[in-house]
Amino acid sequence: MSDPHLSWAVRASRVDTSAALDHLMDDWYNRVKADRGLHAAIGFDSYMERGAWDSAKHSIERTYGRSNREHRQTLDTLAAAIQSRRILTHRLVG
């Protein structure tokens, strides 16, 4: 388990397996889904429940903009998870 004092984005960038990343993002999503502001982002919940993090990130960007301070940590966490998934997938293929 990663250090709970680190940001979710840092934790997502440090996972070493796809299963650990999925578990971390499930935990993160369970914490942020109480934020009613994210529910205005069309499709955010359904994308997150399917593990479609890239689509969830784009739904927030479309709704609030890319530089919205209120949702910057959410966008950073999703970006880190997306990048980690790419790296972990590349390791499996490569």
PDB file of N, CA and C in Angstrom:
ATOM      1  N   MET A   1       0.851  -1.182   0.000  1.00  0.00           N
ATOM      2  CA  MET A   1       0.000   0.000   0.000  1.00  0.00           C
ATOM      3  C   MET A   1       0.883   1.226   0.000  1.00  0.00           C
ATOM      4  N   SER A   2       0.494   2.222  -0.763  1.00  0.00           N
ATOM      5  CA  SER A   2       1.283   3.436  -0.853  1.00  0.00           C
ATOM      6  C   SER A   2       1.031   4.351   0.333  1.00  0.00           C
ATOM      7  N   ASP A   3       1.912   5.317   0.491  1.00  0.00           N
ATOM      8  CA  ASP A   3       1.863   6.271   1.588  1.00  0.00           C
ATOM      9  C   ASP A   3       0.598   7.136   1.480  1.00  0.00           C
ATOM     10  N   PRO A   4      -0.284   7.089   2.486  1.00  0.00           N
ATOM     11  CA  PRO A   4      -1.522   7.869   2.418  1.00  0.00           C
ATOM     12  C   PRO A   4      -1.303   9.379   2.502  1.00  0.00           C
ATOM     13  N   HIS A   5      -0.088   9.813   2.816  1.00  0.00           N
ATOM     14  CA  HIS A   5       0.204  11.239   2.897  1.00  0.00           C
ATOM     15  C   HIS A   5       0.540  11.830   1.527  1.00  0.00           C
ATOM     16  N   LEU A   6       0.786  10.964   0.553  1.00  0.00           N
ATOM     17  CA  LEU A   6       1.086  11.433  -0.797  1.00  0.00           C
ATOM     18  C   LEU A   6      -0.209  11.756  -1.530  1.00  0.00           C
ATOM     19  N   SER A   7      -0.123  12.634  -2.501  1.00  0.00           N
ATOM     20  CA  SER A   7      -1.306  12.938  -3.297  1.00  0.00           C
ATOM     21  C   SER A   7      -1.704  11.695  -4.089  1.00  0.00           C
ATOM     22  N   TRP A   8      -2.967  11.662  -4.500  1.00  0.00           N
ATOM     23  CA  TRP A   8      -3.453  10.525  -5.292  1.00  0.00           C
ATOM     24  C   TRP A   8      -2.690  10.435  -6.608  1.00  0.00           C
ATOM     25  N   ALA A   9      -2.342  11.568  -7.204  1.00  0.00           N
ATOM     26  CA  ALA A   9      -1.605  11.566  -8.463  1.00  0.00           C
ATOM     27  C   ALA A   9      -0.235  10.915  -8.286  1.00  0.00           C
ATOM     28  N   VAL A  10       0.455  11.247  -7.204  1.00  0.00           N
ATOM     29  CA  VAL A  10       1.771  10.646  -6.950  1.00  0.00           C
ATOM     30  C   VAL A  10       1.608   9.148  -6.699  1.00  0.00           C
ATOM     31  N   ARG A  11       0.624   8.770  -5.920  1.00  0.00           N
ATOM     32  CA  ARG A  11       0.391   7.342  -5.671  1.00  0.00           C
ATOM     33  C   ARG A  11       0.104   6.599  -6.975  1.00  0.00           C
ATOM     34  N   ALA A  12      -0.701   7.208  -7.854  1.00  0.00           N
ATOM     35  CA  ALA A  12      -1.024   6.557  -9.131  1.00  0.00           C
ATOM     36  C   ALA A  12       0.222   6.413  -9.995  1.00  0.00           C
ATOM     37  N   SER A  13       1.114   7.367  -9.909  1.00  0.00           N
ATOM     38  CA  SER A  13       2.329   7.307 -10.730  1.00  0.00           C
ATOM     39  C   SER A  13       3.344   6.301 -10.201  1.00  0.00           C
ATOM     40  N   ARG A  14       3.179   5.825  -8.982  1.00  0.00           N
ATOM     41  CA  ARG A  14       4.157   4.923  -8.369  1.00  0.00           C
ATOM     42  C   ARG A  14       3.723   3.461  -8.275  1.00  0.00           C
ATOM     43  N   VAL A  15       2.546   3.130  -8.748  1.00  0.00           N
ATOM     44  CA  VAL A  15       2.106   1.734  -8.656  1.00  0.00           C
ATOM     45  C   VAL A  15       2.954   0.863  -9.570  1.00  0.00           C
ATOM     46  N   ASP A  16       3.035  -0.423  -9.222  1.00  0.00           N
ATOM     47  CA  ASP A  16       3.888  -1.307 -10.015  1.00  0.00           C
ATOM     48  C   ASP A  16       3.138  -2.408 -10.755  1.00  0.00           C
ATOM     49  N   THR A  17       1.828  -2.475 -10.580  1.00  0.00           N
ATOM     50  CA  THR A  17       1.039  -3.460 -11.321  1.00  0.00           C
ATOM     51  C   THR A  17      -0.292  -2.837 -11.741  1.00  0.00           C
ATOM     52  N   SER A  18      -0.871  -3.398 -12.782  1.00  0.00           N
ATOM     53  CA  SER A  18      -2.184  -2.923 -13.241  1.00  0.00           C
ATOM     54  C   SER A  18      -3.250  -3.161 -12.180  1.00  0.00           C
ATOM     55  N   ALA A  19      -3.162  -4.293 -11.489  1.00  0.00           N
ATOM     56  CA  ALA A  19      -4.140  -4.594 -10.438  1.00  0.00           C
ATOM     57  C   ALA A  19      -4.058  -3.567  -9.316  1.00  0.00           C
ATOM     58  N   ALA A  20      -2.845  -3.187  -8.938  1.00  0.00           N
ATOM     59  CA  ALA A  20      -2.668  -2.183  -7.884  1.00  0.00           C
ATOM     60  C   ALA A  20      -3.215  -0.832  -8.341  1.00  0.00           C
ATOM     61  N   LEU A  21      -3.008  -0.498  -9.607  1.00  0.00           N
ATOM     62  CA  LEU A  21      -3.527   0.760 -10.141  1.00  0.00           C
ATOM     63  C   LEU A  21      -5.052   0.749 -10.145  1.00  0.00           C
ATOM     64  N   ASP A  22      -5.643  -0.345 -10.580  1.00  0.00           N
ATOM     65  CA  ASP A  22      -7.107  -0.452 -10.580  1.00  0.00           C
ATOM     66  C   ASP A  22      -7.668  -0.310  -9.169  1.00  0.00           C
ATOM     67  N   HIS A  23      -7.023  -0.963  -8.219  1.00  0.00           N
ATOM     68  CA  HIS A  23      -7.477  -0.890  -6.819  1.00  0.00           C
ATOM     69  C   HIS A  23      -7.352   0.543  -6.285  1.00  0.00           C
ATOM     70  N   LEU A  24      -6.226   1.182  -6.561  1.00  0.00           N
ATOM     71  CA  LEU A  24      -6.007   2.555  -6.112  1.00  0.00           C
ATOM     72  C   LEU A  24      -7.057   3.492  -6.698  1.00  0.00           C
ATOM     73  N   MET A  25      -7.328   3.342  -7.981  1.00  0.00           N
ATOM     74  CA  MET A  25      -8.294   4.229  -8.627  1.00  0.00           C
ATOM     75  C   MET A  25      -9.718   3.940  -8.151  1.00  0.00           C
ATOM     76  N   ASP A  26     -10.021   2.701  -7.827  1.00  0.00           N
ATOM     77  CA  ASP A  26     -11.328   2.391  -7.229  1.00  0.00           C
ATOM     78  C   ASP A  26     -11.467   3.104  -5.888  1.00  0.00           C
ATOM     79  N   ASP A  27     -10.408   3.038  -5.070  1.00  0.00           N
ATOM     80  CA  ASP A  27     -10.428   3.738  -3.774  1.00  0.00           C
ATOM     81  C   ASP A  27     -10.594   5.243  -3.975  1.00  0.00           C
ATOM     82  N   TRP A  28      -9.830   5.799  -4.917  1.00  0.00           N
ATOM     83  CA  TRP A  28      -9.906   7.234  -5.189  1.00  0.00           C
ATOM     84  C   TRP A  28     -11.317   7.611  -5.635  1.00  0.00           C
ATOM     85  N   TYR A  29     -11.874   6.844  -6.560  1.00  0.00           N
ATOM     86  CA  TYR A  29     -13.207   7.154  -7.068  1.00  0.00           C
ATOM     87  C   TYR A  29     -14.258   7.085  -5.961  1.00  0.00           C
ATOM     88  N   ASN A  30     -14.142   6.104  -5.081  1.00  0.00           N
ATOM     89  CA  ASN A  30     -15.090   6.006  -3.959  1.00  0.00           C
ATOM     90  C   ASN A  30     -15.034   7.239  -3.071  1.00  0.00           C
ATOM     91  N   ARG A  31     -13.873   7.866  -2.981  1.00  0.00           N
ATOM     92  CA  ARG A  31     -13.744   9.090  -2.174  1.00  0.00           C
ATOM     93  C   ARG A  31     -14.260  10.323  -2.903  1.00  0.00           C
ATOM     94  N   VAL A  32     -14.040  10.402  -4.214  1.00  0.00           N
ATOM     95  CA  VAL A  32     -14.430  11.621  -4.928  1.00  0.00           C
ATOM     96  C   VAL A  32     -15.867  11.597  -5.428  1.00  0.00           C
ATOM     97  N   LYS A  33     -16.490  10.446  -5.488  1.00  0.00           N
ATOM     98  CA  LYS A  33     -17.845  10.435  -6.044  1.00  0.00           C
ATOM     99  C   LYS A  33     -18.854  11.135  -5.147  1.00  0.00           C
ATOM    100  N   ALA A  34     -18.486  11.401  -3.913  1.00  0.00           N
ATOM    101  CA  ALA A  34     -19.349  12.181  -3.030  1.00  0.00           C
ATOM    102  C   ALA A  34     -19.337  13.664  -3.405  1.00  0.00           C
ATOM    103  N   ASP A  35     -18.342  14.070  -4.202  1.00  0.00           N
ATOM    104  CA  ASP A  35     -18.240  15.461  -4.651  1.00  0.00           C
ATOM    105  C   ASP A  35     -19.299  15.707  -5.714  1.00  0.00           C
ATOM    106  N   ARG A  36     -20.366  16.347  -5.334  1.00  0.00           N
ATOM    107  CA  ARG A  36     -21.491  16.554  -6.248  1.00  0.00           C
ATOM    108  C   ARG A  36     -21.098  17.399  -7.451  1.00  0.00           C
ATOM    109  N   GLY A  37     -20.066  18.210  -7.350  1.00  0.00           N
ATOM    110  CA  GLY A  37     -19.643  19.026  -8.476  1.00  0.00           C
ATOM    111  C   GLY A  37     -19.189  18.202  -9.668  1.00  0.00           C
ATOM    112  N   LEU A  38     -18.604  17.042  -9.415  1.00  0.00           N
ATOM    113  CA  LEU A  38     -18.148  16.191 -10.506  1.00  0.00           C
ATOM    114  C   LEU A  38     -19.301  15.540 -11.254  1.00  0.00           C
ATOM    115  N   HIS A  39     -20.439  15.424 -10.607  1.00  0.00           N
ATOM    116  CA  HIS A  39     -21.577  14.770 -11.253  1.00  0.00           C
ATOM    117  C   HIS A  39     -22.142  15.603 -12.400  1.00  0.00           C
ATOM    118  N   ALA A  40     -21.792  16.878 -12.435  1.00  0.00           N
ATOM    119  CA  ALA A  40     -22.234  17.715 -13.550  1.00  0.00           C
ATOM    120  C   ALA A  40     -21.439  17.402 -14.817  1.00  0.00           C
ATOM    121  N   ALA A  41     -20.278  16.778 -14.654  1.00  0.00           N
ATOM    122  CA  ALA A  41     -19.469  16.386 -15.811  1.00  0.00           C
ATOM    123  C   ALA A  41     -20.147  15.195 -16.469  1.00  0.00           C
ATOM    124  N   ILE A  42     -20.672  15.414 -17.639  1.00  0.00           N
ATOM    125  CA  ILE A  42     -21.480  14.400 -18.330  1.00  0.00           C
ATOM    126  C   ILE A  42     -20.671  13.129 -18.554  1.00  0.00           C
ATOM    127  N   GLY A  43     -21.187  12.034 -18.030  1.00  0.00           N
ATOM    128  CA  GLY A  43     -20.572  10.729 -18.222  1.00  0.00           C
ATOM    129  C   GLY A  43     -19.494  10.368 -17.236  1.00  0.00           C
ATOM    130  N   PHE A  44     -19.102  11.297 -16.342  1.00  0.00           N
ATOM    131  CA  PHE A  44     -17.984  11.029 -15.440  1.00  0.00           C
ATOM    132  C   PHE A  44     -18.175   9.728 -14.668  1.00  0.00           C
ATOM    133  N   ASP A  45     -19.316   9.558 -14.017  1.00  0.00           N
ATOM    134  CA  ASP A  45     -19.534   8.358 -13.198  1.00  0.00           C
ATOM    135  C   ASP A  45     -19.502   7.081 -14.025  1.00  0.00           C
ATOM    136  N   SER A  46     -20.182   7.074 -15.149  1.00  0.00           N
ATOM    137  CA  SER A  46     -20.206   5.846 -15.950  1.00  0.00           C
ATOM    138  C   SER A  46     -18.815   5.530 -16.506  1.00  0.00           C
ATOM    139  N   TYR A  47     -18.058   6.547 -16.880  1.00  0.00           N
ATOM    140  CA  TYR A  47     -16.688   6.308 -17.344  1.00  0.00           C
ATOM    141  C   TYR A  47     -15.827   5.735 -16.226  1.00  0.00           C
ATOM    142  N   MET A  48     -15.933   6.308 -15.037  1.00  0.00           N
ATOM    143  CA  MET A  48     -15.126   5.824 -13.921  1.00  0.00           C
ATOM    144  C   MET A  48     -15.504   4.394 -13.546  1.00  0.00           C
ATOM    145  N   GLU A  49     -16.771   4.089 -13.560  1.00  0.00           N
ATOM    146  CA  GLU A  49     -17.207   2.744 -13.197  1.00  0.00           C
ATOM    147  C   GLU A  49     -16.732   1.703 -14.201  1.00  0.00           C
ATOM    148  N   ARG A  50     -16.482   2.122 -15.434  1.00  0.00           N
ATOM    149  CA  ARG A  50     -15.960   1.205 -16.460  1.00  0.00           C
ATOM    150  C   ARG A  50     -14.434   1.230 -16.535  1.00  0.00           C
ATOM    151  N   GLY A  51     -13.809   2.101 -15.752  1.00  0.00           N
ATOM    152  CA  GLY A  51     -12.354   2.214 -15.804  1.00  0.00           C
ATOM    153  C   GLY A  51     -11.862   2.981 -17.020  1.00  0.00           C
ATOM    154  N   ALA A  52     -12.732   3.772 -17.620  1.00  0.00           N
ATOM    155  CA  ALA A  52     -12.377   4.579 -18.788  1.00  0.00           C
ATOM    156  C   ALA A  52     -11.886   5.947 -18.305  1.00  0.00           C
ATOM    157  N   TRP A  53     -10.704   5.958 -17.723  1.00  0.00           N
ATOM    158  CA  TRP A  53     -10.188   7.160 -17.074  1.00  0.00           C
ATOM    159  C   TRP A  53      -9.948   8.294 -18.053  1.00  0.00           C
ATOM    160  N   ASP A  54      -9.491   7.982 -19.248  1.00  0.00           N
ATOM    161  CA  ASP A  54      -9.254   9.022 -20.248  1.00  0.00           C
ATOM    162  C   ASP A  54     -10.568   9.736 -20.588  1.00  0.00           C
ATOM    163  N   SER A  55     -11.624   8.961 -20.760  1.00  0.00           N
ATOM    164  CA  SER A  55     -12.938   9.555 -21.055  1.00  0.00           C
ATOM    165  C   SER A  55     -13.456  10.353 -19.867  1.00  0.00           C
ATOM    166  N   ALA A  56     -13.225   9.870 -18.646  1.00  0.00           N
ATOM    167  CA  ALA A  56     -13.647  10.601 -17.448  1.00  0.00           C
ATOM    168  C   ALA A  56     -12.921  11.947 -17.366  1.00  0.00           C
ATOM    169  N   LYS A  57     -11.625  11.923 -17.664  1.00  0.00           N
ATOM    170  CA  LYS A  57     -10.829  13.159 -17.653  1.00  0.00           C
ATOM    171  C   LYS A  57     -11.369  14.139 -18.695  1.00  0.00           C
ATOM    172  N   HIS A  58     -11.657  13.648 -19.882  1.00  0.00           N
ATOM    173  CA  HIS A  58     -12.175  14.523 -20.936  1.00  0.00           C
ATOM    174  C   HIS A  58     -13.553  15.082 -20.568  1.00  0.00           C
ATOM    175  N   SER A  59     -14.360  14.309 -19.855  1.00  0.00           N
ATOM    176  CA  SER A  59     -15.680  14.829 -19.474  1.00  0.00           C
ATOM    177  C   SER A  59     -15.545  15.998 -18.504  1.00  0.00           C
ATOM    178  N   ILE A  60     -14.582  15.935 -17.616  1.00  0.00           N
ATOM    179  CA  ILE A  60     -14.337  17.052 -16.687  1.00  0.00           C
ATOM    180  C   ILE A  60     -13.799  18.256 -17.457  1.00  0.00           C
ATOM    181  N   GLU A  61     -12.865  18.001 -18.374  1.00  0.00           N
ATOM    182  CA  GLU A  61     -12.308  19.103 -19.169  1.00  0.00           C
ATOM    183  C   GLU A  61     -13.382  19.781 -20.015  1.00  0.00           C
ATOM    184  N   ARG A  62     -14.281  18.999 -20.595  1.00  0.00           N
ATOM    185  CA  ARG A  62     -15.357  19.583 -21.405  1.00  0.00           C
ATOM    186  C   ARG A  62     -16.323  20.400 -20.551  1.00  0.00           C
ATOM    187  N   THR A  63     -16.591  19.917 -19.345  1.00  0.00           N
ATOM    188  CA  THR A  63     -17.563  20.589 -18.482  1.00  0.00           C
ATOM    189  C   THR A  63     -16.974  21.819 -17.796  1.00  0.00           C
ATOM    190  N   TYR A  64     -15.761  21.691 -17.277  1.00  0.00           N
ATOM    191  CA  TYR A  64     -15.186  22.751 -16.441  1.00  0.00           C
ATOM    192  C   TYR A  64     -13.994  23.466 -17.063  1.00  0.00           C
ATOM    193  N   GLY A  65     -13.422  22.917 -18.113  1.00  0.00           N
ATOM    194  CA  GLY A  65     -12.207  23.474 -18.694  1.00  0.00           C
ATOM    195  C   GLY A  65     -10.978  22.788 -18.126  1.00  0.00           C
ATOM    196  N   ARG A  66      -9.892  22.899 -18.836  1.00  0.00           N
ATOM    197  CA  ARG A  66      -8.657  22.210 -18.430  1.00  0.00           C
ATOM    198  C   ARG A  66      -7.949  22.883 -17.264  1.00  0.00           C
ATOM    199  N   SER A  67      -8.161  24.165 -17.088  1.00  0.00           N
ATOM    200  CA  SER A  67      -7.410  24.893 -16.071  1.00  0.00           C
ATOM    201  C   SER A  67      -8.250  25.239 -14.847  1.00  0.00           C
ATOM    202  N   ASN A  68      -9.368  24.562 -14.683  1.00  0.00           N
ATOM    203  CA  ASN A  68     -10.241  24.835 -13.548  1.00  0.00           C
ATOM    204  C   ASN A  68      -9.535  24.450 -12.249  1.00  0.00           C
ATOM    205  N   ARG A  69      -9.300  25.424 -11.386  1.00  0.00           N
ATOM    206  CA  ARG A  69      -8.587  25.170 -10.126  1.00  0.00           C
ATOM    207  C   ARG A  69      -9.304  24.177  -9.225  1.00  0.00           C
ATOM    208  N   GLU A  70     -10.611  24.266  -9.205  1.00  0.00           N
ATOM    209  CA  GLU A  70     -11.403  23.410  -8.317  1.00  0.00           C
ATOM    210  C   GLU A  70     -11.192  21.931  -8.625  1.00  0.00           C
ATOM    211  N   HIS A  71     -10.963  21.601  -9.871  1.00  0.00           N
ATOM    212  CA  HIS A  71     -10.843  20.194 -10.265  1.00  0.00           C
ATOM    213  C   HIS A  71      -9.434  19.821 -10.740  1.00  0.00           C
ATOM    214  N   ARG A  72      -8.450  20.685 -10.456  1.00  0.00           N
ATOM    215  CA  ARG A  72      -7.077  20.425 -10.889  1.00  0.00           C
ATOM    216  C   ARG A  72      -6.529  19.111 -10.325  1.00  0.00           C
ATOM    217  N   GLN A  73      -6.743  18.848  -9.048  1.00  0.00           N
ATOM    218  CA  GLN A  73      -6.227  17.600  -8.454  1.00  0.00           C
ATOM    219  C   GLN A  73      -6.878  16.379  -9.085  1.00  0.00           C
ATOM    220  N   THR A  74      -8.160  16.484  -9.396  1.00  0.00           N
ATOM    221  CA  THR A  74      -8.851  15.380 -10.057  1.00  0.00           C
ATOM    222  C   THR A  74      -8.240  15.119 -11.423  1.00  0.00           C
ATOM    223  N   LEU A  75      -8.025  16.179 -12.190  1.00  0.00           N
ATOM    224  CA  LEU A  75      -7.420  16.029 -13.509  1.00  0.00           C
ATOM    225  C   LEU A  75      -6.000  15.490 -13.412  1.00  0.00           C
ATOM    226  N   ASP A  76      -5.233  15.947 -12.425  1.00  0.00           N
ATOM    227  CA  ASP A  76      -3.871  15.458 -12.225  1.00  0.00           C
ATOM    228  C   ASP A  76      -3.868  13.966 -11.877  1.00  0.00           C
ATOM    229  N   THR A  77      -4.792  13.554 -11.012  1.00  0.00           N
ATOM    230  CA  THR A  77      -4.871  12.144 -10.624  1.00  0.00           C
ATOM    231  C   THR A  77      -5.228  11.279 -11.825  1.00  0.00           C
ATOM    232  N   LEU A  78      -6.209  11.705 -12.593  1.00  0.00           N
ATOM    233  CA  LEU A  78      -6.595  10.937 -13.777  1.00  0.00           C
ATOM    234  C   LEU A  78      -5.456  10.884 -14.793  1.00  0.00           C
ATOM    235  N   ALA A  79      -4.763  11.989 -14.999  1.00  0.00           N
ATOM    236  CA  ALA A  79      -3.634  12.007 -15.942  1.00  0.00           C
ATOM    237  C   ALA A  79      -2.536  11.050 -15.493  1.00  0.00           C
ATOM    238  N   ALA A  80      -2.242  11.033 -14.194  1.00  0.00           N
ATOM    239  CA  ALA A  80      -1.213  10.125 -13.671  1.00  0.00           C
ATOM    240  C   ALA A  80      -1.641   8.667 -13.837  1.00  0.00           C
ATOM    241  N   ALA A  81      -2.910   8.378 -13.585  1.00  0.00           N
ATOM    242  CA  ALA A  81      -3.406   7.006 -13.735  1.00  0.00           C
ATOM    243  C   ALA A  81      -3.355   6.573 -15.202  1.00  0.00           C
ATOM    244  N   ILE A  82      -3.719   7.465 -16.104  1.00  0.00           N
ATOM    245  CA  ILE A  82      -3.688   7.162 -17.537  1.00  0.00           C
ATOM    246  C   ILE A  82      -2.255   6.865 -17.975  1.00  0.00           C
ATOM    247  N   GLN A  83      -1.330   7.698 -17.539  1.00  0.00           N
ATOM    248  CA  GLN A  83       0.081   7.499 -17.888  1.00  0.00           C
ATOM    249  C   GLN A  83       0.611   6.197 -17.287  1.00  0.00           C
ATOM    250  N   SER A  84       0.270   5.920 -16.049  1.00  0.00           N
ATOM    251  CA  SER A  84       0.721   4.675 -15.419  1.00  0.00           C
ATOM    252  C   SER A  84       0.167   3.459 -16.155  1.00  0.00           C
ATOM    253  N   ARG A  85      -1.101   3.527 -16.549  1.00  0.00           N
ATOM    254  CA  ARG A  85      -1.696   2.412 -17.293  1.00  0.00           C
ATOM    255  C   ARG A  85      -0.928   2.190 -18.601  1.00  0.00           C
ATOM    256  N   ARG A  86      -0.580   3.266 -19.294  1.00  0.00           N
ATOM    257  CA  ARG A  86       0.177   3.130 -20.551  1.00  0.00           C
ATOM    258  C   ARG A  86       1.542   2.481 -20.301  1.00  0.00           C
ATOM    259  N   ILE A  87       2.214   2.920 -19.262  1.00  0.00           N
ATOM    260  CA  ILE A  87       3.528   2.369 -18.947  1.00  0.00           C
ATOM    261  C   ILE A  87       3.412   0.892 -18.578  1.00  0.00           C
ATOM    262  N   LEU A  88       2.449   0.566 -17.717  1.00  0.00           N
ATOM    263  CA  LEU A  88       2.282  -0.824 -17.292  1.00  0.00           C
ATOM    264  C   LEU A  88       1.872  -1.719 -18.458  1.00  0.00           C
ATOM    265  N   THR A  89       1.029  -1.221 -19.339  1.00  0.00           N
ATOM    266  CA  THR A  89       0.620  -1.988 -20.518  1.00  0.00           C
ATOM    267  C   THR A  89       1.805  -2.200 -21.445  1.00  0.00           C
ATOM    268  N   HIS A  90       2.612  -1.167 -21.600  1.00  0.00           N
ATOM    269  CA  HIS A  90       3.795  -1.263 -22.453  1.00  0.00           C
ATOM    270  C   HIS A  90       4.773  -2.306 -21.902  1.00  0.00           C
ATOM    271  N   ARG A  91       4.924  -2.363 -20.589  1.00  0.00           N
ATOM    272  CA  ARG A  91       5.802  -3.362 -19.965  1.00  0.00           C
ATOM    273  C   ARG A  91       5.327  -4.780 -20.281  1.00  0.00           C
ATOM    274  N   LEU A  92       4.008  -4.987 -20.248  1.00  0.00           N
ATOM    275  CA  LEU A  92       3.459  -6.306 -20.533  1.00  0.00           C
ATOM    276  C   LEU A  92       3.663  -6.706 -21.994  1.00  0.00           C
ATOM    277  N   VAL A  93       3.521  -5.720 -22.884  1.00  0.00           N
ATOM    278  CA  VAL A  93       3.647  -5.988 -24.309  1.00  0.00           C
ATOM    279  C   VAL A  93       5.116  -6.075 -24.711  1.00  0.00           C
ATOM    280  N   GLY A  94       5.922  -5.160 -24.160  1.00  0.00           N
ATOM    281  CA  GLY A  94       7.329  -5.036 -24.539  1.00  0.00           C
ATOM    282  C   GLY A  94       8.155  -6.071 -23.947  1.00  0.00           C
TER     283      GLY A  94
END
